[in-house]
Amino acid sequence: MSRKRYWSIWVALVTIMLGLVFASPGKAQLQQPIRIVYPFPAGSAGDVMIRLLGERIRIELDRPVIVENRIGGAGRIGVQSVKSATPDGSTLLFTVIAPMAILPLLYPQLGYDPIADFAPITQVGTYEFVAAVGPKAPVTSLKEFVTWAKANPKDASYGVPAAGTLPHFLGAMFAQATDLDMQAITYRGGAPAITDLLGGQYPLLFIGTTDVLEPHNAGRIRILATSDRQRTALLPDVPTFRESGFNITGNGWYGLYAPAGTPEAFISRINKIVVTAIKDQAIRDRLLAFGLTPTGTTAAEFGEIQKADMELWRPAVKASGFKPEP
């Protein structure tokens, strides 16, 4: 064998070996699972949503995707776990608004900074709330309710499905806007709150739209207004608070985050996958069935929404007087 041919074979072998050495870690990294933390129980609307979107991410990136329900602390424990994760794209957070825009207004020590510790990826969808009356308040509009409440101050109260929730703070926002001295009646869930509204125990309920669609459509209660800027497709004949003459808006949302420091190229890639998925009619129909309005924002837009909502809800949280347990 000539020296030239020997040298060519040796170079080829070395090239192949180097390729194996440097390609193997890359392949391993490519196949590393993506863990998406959802800090609330399995089976909820948010859990179903992120599993649908996680499947799209799996297909597009050809990487396993694992959804982890890490519950506790009203969402804080799951959020803290993502904050502490390595920012390499292997861990993401999917959550509702509360841990990222409401809990910072309630807890001086969260264990994370919702702005500095996370990189927004996209808002997935929004959901609104409603003001509904039962038989105790014989009114057909919010303005009529204000008149009735001022004439019946001892009966002027509002129910909410739980203390320290967005419906609770929306009620406080409404009381401020109307200069009504209204007591909040808090429940442990929407069902007992609706039962007491129907029974005439109190006049006005603030709650998620889908929770009261059935009794509203049956004529057992009356939804007076919805909290989005536009009317919801679920209740096209019901005006918004703004249309009713009150400068009130307040929505909830679901969104996707990564730990701060995650490469922007990866965030951009996930954003594109999720936003494209949200445009798919099958997924849009699933979101709409949960009472969600599909959105799909840029990362920058989502970051601004988060900051704006913290400021939007701040006065109402303070006015509610709610203090969480340590």
Protein backbone atom coordinates (compact mmCIF):
# COMPACT_ATOMS: atom_id res chain seq x y z
CA MET A 1 0.00 0.00 0.00
CA SER A 2 1.37 3.39 -0.97
CA ARG A 3 2.09 5.97 1.69
CA LYS A 4 -0.42 8.36 0.04
CA ARG A 5 -3.24 5.76 0.11
CA TYR A 6 -2.39 4.84 3.72
CA TRP A 7 -2.52 8.48 4.72
CA SER A 8 -5.93 8.95 3.01
CA ILE A 9 -7.41 5.94 4.83
CA TRP A 10 -5.99 7.16 8.16
CA VAL A 11 -7.48 10.65 7.67
CA ALA A 12 -10.87 9.14 6.76
CA LEU A 13 -10.89 6.95 9.88
CA VAL A 14 -9.93 9.86 12.12
CA THR A 15 -12.66 12.00 10.55
CA ILE A 16 -15.27 9.30 11.17
CA MET A 17 -14.17 8.85 14.78
CA LEU A 18 -14.25 12.57 15.46
CA GLY A 19 -17.68 12.75 13.88
CA LEU A 20 -18.94 10.04 16.21
CA VAL A 21 -17.42 11.71 19.24
CA PHE A 22 -18.91 15.11 18.56
CA ALA A 23 -22.18 13.93 17.05
CA SER A 24 -23.19 11.63 19.91
CA PRO A 25 -23.61 14.32 22.58
CA GLY A 26 -25.57 16.43 20.11
CA LYS A 27 -27.91 13.55 19.37
CA ALA A 28 -28.33 12.88 23.07
CA GLN A 29 -29.12 16.53 23.62
CA LEU A 30 -31.61 16.45 20.77
CA GLN A 31 -33.46 13.56 22.37
CA GLN A 32 -33.43 15.00 25.90
CA PRO A 33 -37.06 15.23 27.07
CA ILE A 34 -38.70 18.61 27.46
CA ARG A 35 -40.42 18.83 30.84
CA ILE A 36 -43.41 21.18 30.95
CA VAL A 37 -44.48 21.98 34.50
CA TYR A 38 -48.15 22.71 35.07
CA PRO A 39 -48.46 23.78 38.74
CA PHE A 40 -52.05 22.61 39.14
CA PRO A 41 -53.82 19.22 39.22
CA ALA A 42 -54.22 16.90 36.26
CA GLY A 43 -57.53 16.76 34.45
CA SER A 44 -58.24 20.49 34.50
CA ALA A 45 -58.73 22.59 31.38
CA GLY A 46 -55.15 23.88 31.56
CA ASP A 47 -53.79 20.37 31.93
CA VAL A 48 -55.66 19.18 28.85
CA MET A 49 -54.50 22.22 26.87
CA ILE A 50 -50.81 21.81 27.58
CA ARG A 51 -50.93 18.12 26.74
CA LEU A 52 -52.43 19.00 23.35
CA LEU A 53 -49.77 21.64 22.75
CA GLY A 54 -47.03 19.43 24.16
CA GLU A 55 -47.83 16.82 21.53
CA ARG A 56 -47.31 19.43 18.80
CA ILE A 57 -43.96 20.40 20.34
CA ARG A 58 -42.95 16.73 20.46
CA ILE A 59 -43.75 16.23 16.79
CA GLU A 60 -42.05 19.41 15.59
CA LEU A 61 -38.86 19.00 17.64
CA ASP A 62 -38.73 15.20 17.55
CA ARG A 63 -38.13 15.21 21.31
CA PRO A 64 -40.09 13.54 24.10
CA VAL A 65 -42.34 15.95 26.01
CA ILE A 66 -43.40 15.24 29.58
CA VAL A 67 -46.11 17.24 31.37
CA GLU A 68 -45.51 17.33 35.12
CA ASN A 69 -48.28 18.37 37.52
CA ARG A 70 -46.30 19.89 40.36
CA ILE A 71 -48.95 21.26 42.68
CA GLY A 72 -48.92 23.19 45.94
CA GLY A 73 -48.79 26.72 47.30
CA ALA A 74 -51.45 28.03 44.87
CA GLY A 75 -49.02 27.30 42.03
CA ARG A 76 -45.90 28.65 43.72
CA ILE A 77 -44.13 25.31 44.17
CA GLY A 78 -44.29 24.39 40.49
CA VAL A 79 -43.21 27.87 39.44
CA GLN A 80 -40.26 27.80 41.84
CA SER A 81 -39.11 24.49 40.37
CA VAL A 82 -38.95 26.01 36.88
CA LYS A 83 -37.10 29.06 38.13
CA SER A 84 -34.40 26.74 39.52
CA ALA A 85 -34.14 24.65 36.34
CA THR A 86 -31.19 24.88 33.95
CA PRO A 87 -32.14 27.38 31.19
CA ASP A 88 -31.30 25.06 28.31
CA GLY A 89 -34.77 24.50 26.87
CA SER A 90 -35.38 21.25 28.74
CA THR A 91 -37.85 22.79 31.24
CA LEU A 92 -40.86 25.03 30.55
CA LEU A 93 -43.74 26.41 32.60
CA PHE A 94 -47.40 26.49 31.59
CA THR A 95 -49.64 28.39 33.99
CA VAL A 96 -52.66 30.57 34.55
CA ILE A 97 -52.33 34.26 35.35
CA ALA A 98 -52.34 33.99 39.15
CA PRO A 99 -48.77 32.85 39.96
CA MET A 100 -47.27 35.33 37.48
CA ALA A 101 -49.38 38.49 37.98
CA ILE A 102 -51.62 38.15 41.06
CA LEU A 103 -49.65 36.30 43.74
CA PRO A 104 -46.84 38.91 43.56
CA LEU A 105 -49.45 41.41 44.81
CA LEU A 106 -50.32 39.17 47.76
CA TYR A 107 -47.09 37.56 48.97
CA PRO A 108 -44.02 39.62 49.93
CA GLN A 109 -41.92 36.44 49.77
CA LEU A 110 -42.81 34.36 46.73
CA GLY A 111 -39.56 32.53 46.24
CA TYR A 112 -39.34 33.82 42.66
CA ASP A 113 -39.56 37.04 40.68
CA PRO A 114 -42.25 36.55 38.00
CA ILE A 115 -40.58 39.10 35.71
CA ALA A 116 -36.83 38.67 36.25
CA ASP A 117 -36.77 34.88 36.68
CA PHE A 118 -38.75 33.92 33.58
CA ALA A 119 -38.75 34.45 29.83
CA PRO A 120 -42.27 34.75 28.32
CA ILE A 121 -42.90 32.54 25.29
CA THR A 122 -46.56 33.10 24.37
CA GLN A 123 -50.01 33.69 25.77
CA VAL A 124 -52.20 30.78 24.70
CA GLY A 125 -55.71 31.99 25.53
CA THR A 126 -57.82 34.27 27.69
CA TYR A 127 -61.01 33.78 29.68
CA GLU A 128 -63.43 36.33 31.04
CA PHE A 129 -65.73 36.64 34.04
CA VAL A 130 -69.34 37.70 34.44
CA ALA A 131 -71.58 39.57 36.84
CA ALA A 132 -74.83 37.64 37.34
CA VAL A 133 -77.91 38.30 39.47
CA GLY A 134 -80.43 35.95 41.02
CA PRO A 135 -84.01 36.44 42.22
CA LYS A 136 -82.97 38.70 45.10
CA ALA A 137 -82.17 41.56 42.70
CA PRO A 138 -85.03 42.17 40.21
CA VAL A 139 -82.89 44.05 37.67
CA THR A 140 -81.96 43.65 34.01
CA SER A 141 -78.78 45.74 33.77
CA LEU A 142 -75.77 46.74 35.84
CA LYS A 143 -76.99 50.33 36.09
CA GLU A 144 -80.29 49.07 37.47
CA PHE A 145 -78.37 46.95 39.95
CA VAL A 146 -76.42 49.97 41.20
CA THR A 147 -79.66 51.85 41.72
CA TRP A 148 -81.18 48.86 43.52
CA ALA A 149 -78.08 48.38 45.70
CA LYS A 150 -78.07 52.02 46.79
CA ALA A 151 -81.74 51.72 47.72
CA ASN A 152 -81.07 48.46 49.58
CA PRO A 153 -77.63 48.95 51.18
CA LYS A 154 -78.09 46.17 53.76
CA ASP A 155 -78.59 43.67 50.95
CA ALA A 156 -75.75 44.95 48.75
CA SER A 157 -73.27 42.08 48.73
CA TYR A 158 -71.60 39.91 46.12
CA GLY A 159 -70.60 36.27 46.05
CA VAL A 160 -67.40 34.75 44.65
CA PRO A 161 -66.38 31.09 44.26
CA ALA A 162 -63.28 31.55 46.46
CA ALA A 163 -61.46 34.23 48.40
CA GLY A 164 -58.38 35.73 46.78
CA THR A 165 -59.42 34.87 43.23
CA LEU A 166 -59.92 37.08 40.20
CA PRO A 167 -63.74 37.07 40.62
CA HIS A 168 -63.17 38.32 44.19
CA PHE A 169 -60.97 41.15 42.95
CA LEU A 170 -63.33 41.92 40.06
CA GLY A 171 -66.09 42.40 42.61
CA ALA A 172 -63.86 44.79 44.55
CA MET A 173 -63.12 46.62 41.30
CA PHE A 174 -66.85 46.97 40.62
CA ALA A 175 -67.55 48.21 44.15
CA GLN A 176 -64.86 50.88 43.75
CA ALA A 177 -66.14 51.97 40.35
CA THR A 178 -69.72 52.34 41.63
CA ASP A 179 -68.90 53.69 45.09
CA LEU A 180 -70.89 50.85 46.66
CA ASP A 181 -70.05 49.49 50.10
CA MET A 182 -70.41 45.83 49.18
CA GLN A 183 -69.45 42.86 51.32
CA ALA A 184 -67.80 39.91 49.58
CA ILE A 185 -69.31 36.52 50.42
CA THR A 186 -66.68 33.88 49.70
CA TYR A 187 -67.38 30.22 49.01
CA ARG A 188 -65.40 27.05 48.52
CA GLY A 189 -66.23 26.54 44.87
CA GLY A 190 -68.64 27.78 42.28
CA ALA A 191 -71.44 25.26 42.91
CA PRO A 192 -72.39 26.44 46.42
CA ALA A 193 -72.08 30.07 45.34
CA ILE A 194 -74.51 29.47 42.48
CA THR A 195 -76.89 27.54 44.73
CA ASP A 196 -77.11 30.42 47.20
CA LEU A 197 -77.54 32.95 44.39
CA LEU A 198 -80.48 30.92 43.06
CA GLY A 199 -81.85 30.67 46.58
CA GLY A 200 -81.87 34.45 47.01
CA GLN A 201 -79.24 34.47 49.75
CA TYR A 202 -77.41 37.38 48.09
CA PRO A 203 -77.97 39.43 44.93
CA LEU A 204 -74.84 39.48 42.74
CA LEU A 205 -72.26 36.86 41.73
CA PHE A 206 -68.87 37.29 40.04
CA ILE A 207 -67.66 34.05 38.47
CA GLY A 208 -66.18 32.45 35.34
CA THR A 209 -68.42 32.59 32.28
CA THR A 210 -68.77 28.86 31.67
CA ASP A 211 -69.80 28.20 35.28
CA VAL A 212 -73.15 29.95 34.84
CA LEU A 213 -74.01 29.46 31.18
CA GLU A 214 -76.52 26.70 31.90
CA PRO A 215 -78.61 28.51 34.56
CA HIS A 216 -78.43 31.71 32.51
CA ASN A 217 -79.68 29.99 29.36
CA ALA A 218 -82.43 28.35 31.43
CA GLY A 219 -83.54 31.75 32.72
CA ARG A 220 -82.80 30.91 36.35
CA ILE A 221 -80.23 33.69 36.69
CA ARG A 222 -79.37 36.68 34.54
CA ILE A 223 -75.85 37.52 33.38
CA LEU A 224 -75.63 41.29 33.26
CA ALA A 225 -72.13 41.88 31.89
CA THR A 226 -68.86 40.23 30.87
CA SER A 227 -65.36 41.42 31.70
CA ASP A 228 -63.52 41.35 28.36
CA ARG A 229 -63.09 44.38 26.10
CA GLN A 230 -65.25 42.67 23.49
CA ARG A 231 -68.36 40.55 23.87
CA THR A 232 -67.71 36.85 24.23
CA ALA A 233 -68.88 34.44 21.55
CA LEU A 234 -70.46 32.41 24.34
CA LEU A 235 -72.82 35.31 25.19
CA PRO A 236 -73.13 37.50 22.11
CA ASP A 237 -76.23 39.25 23.46
CA VAL A 238 -74.67 40.23 26.81
CA PRO A 239 -72.84 43.58 26.99
CA THR A 240 -69.41 44.08 28.49
CA PHE A 241 -68.87 46.16 31.62
CA ARG A 242 -67.64 48.97 29.39
CA GLU A 243 -70.71 48.82 27.18
CA SER A 244 -72.77 48.95 30.37
CA GLY A 245 -71.15 52.25 31.34
CA PHE A 246 -68.41 51.06 33.71
CA ASN A 247 -64.72 51.38 32.92
CA ILE A 248 -63.90 47.83 34.02
CA THR A 249 -62.00 45.06 32.27
CA GLY A 250 -60.24 42.05 33.72
CA ASN A 251 -59.41 38.72 32.16
CA GLY A 252 -57.56 35.60 33.11
CA TRP A 253 -55.13 33.84 30.80
CA TYR A 254 -52.92 30.82 30.24
CA GLY A 255 -49.34 31.22 29.06
CA LEU A 256 -46.04 29.48 28.45
CA TYR A 257 -42.71 30.49 29.98
CA ALA A 258 -39.08 29.35 30.13
CA PRO A 259 -36.49 30.03 32.83
CA ALA A 260 -34.69 33.34 32.35
CA GLY A 261 -31.54 32.85 30.31
CA THR A 262 -33.03 30.26 27.96
CA PRO A 263 -31.61 30.88 24.46
CA GLU A 264 -33.75 33.26 22.43
CA ALA A 265 -33.55 30.98 19.39
CA PHE A 266 -35.22 28.18 21.37
CA ILE A 267 -37.91 30.52 22.73
CA SER A 268 -38.61 31.74 19.20
CA ARG A 269 -38.89 28.16 17.95
CA ILE A 270 -41.34 27.13 20.67
CA ASN A 271 -43.34 30.31 20.13
CA LYS A 272 -43.69 29.52 16.44
CA ILE A 273 -44.77 25.93 17.12
CA VAL A 274 -47.37 26.87 19.73
CA VAL A 275 -48.77 29.88 17.85
CA THR A 276 -49.11 27.75 14.72
CA ALA A 277 -50.85 25.03 16.74
CA ILE A 278 -53.31 27.53 18.20
CA LYS A 279 -54.35 28.48 14.66
CA ASP A 280 -55.29 24.86 13.97
CA GLN A 281 -59.09 24.65 13.97
CA ALA A 282 -59.19 21.42 15.98
CA ILE A 283 -57.17 22.96 18.81
CA ARG A 284 -59.10 26.25 18.59
CA ASP A 285 -62.33 24.29 18.97
CA ARG A 286 -60.98 22.57 22.09
CA LEU A 287 -59.97 25.90 23.62
CA LEU A 288 -63.34 27.45 22.82
CA ALA A 289 -65.06 24.46 24.42
CA PHE A 290 -63.23 25.32 27.65
CA GLY A 291 -64.49 28.90 27.45
CA LEU A 292 -61.15 30.23 26.24
CA THR A 293 -60.48 32.75 23.53
CA PRO A 294 -57.38 31.53 21.62
CA THR A 295 -54.69 34.17 21.26
CA GLY A 296 -51.08 33.21 20.50
CA THR A 297 -48.93 36.29 21.07
CA THR A 298 -45.30 37.08 20.49
CA ALA A 299 -42.99 36.68 23.47
CA ALA A 300 -42.64 40.46 23.80
CA GLU A 301 -46.41 41.01 23.68
CA PHE A 302 -46.95 38.41 26.37
CA GLY A 303 -44.36 40.04 28.62
CA GLU A 304 -46.15 43.38 28.30
CA ILE A 305 -49.53 41.77 29.03
CA GLN A 306 -48.15 40.24 32.21
CA LYS A 307 -46.78 43.57 33.46
CA ALA A 308 -49.95 45.46 32.52
CA ASP A 309 -52.16 42.96 34.34
CA MET A 310 -50.11 43.28 37.52
CA GLU A 311 -50.85 46.99 37.51
CA LEU A 312 -54.48 46.50 36.46
CA TRP A 313 -55.31 44.22 39.39
CA ARG A 314 -53.16 45.96 42.02
CA PRO A 315 -55.81 48.51 43.20
CA ALA A 316 -58.55 45.87 43.30
CA VAL A 317 -56.40 43.46 45.31
CA LYS A 318 -55.71 46.21 47.82
CA ALA A 319 -59.37 47.28 47.96
CA SER A 320 -60.52 43.71 48.58
CA GLY A 321 -58.63 43.58 51.86
CA PHE A 322 -57.74 39.95 51.18
CA LYS A 323 -54.76 38.58 53.11
CA PRO A 324 -53.56 35.08 52.24
CA GLU A 325 -52.56 32.61 54.89
CA PRO A 326 -48.76 32.46 55.33
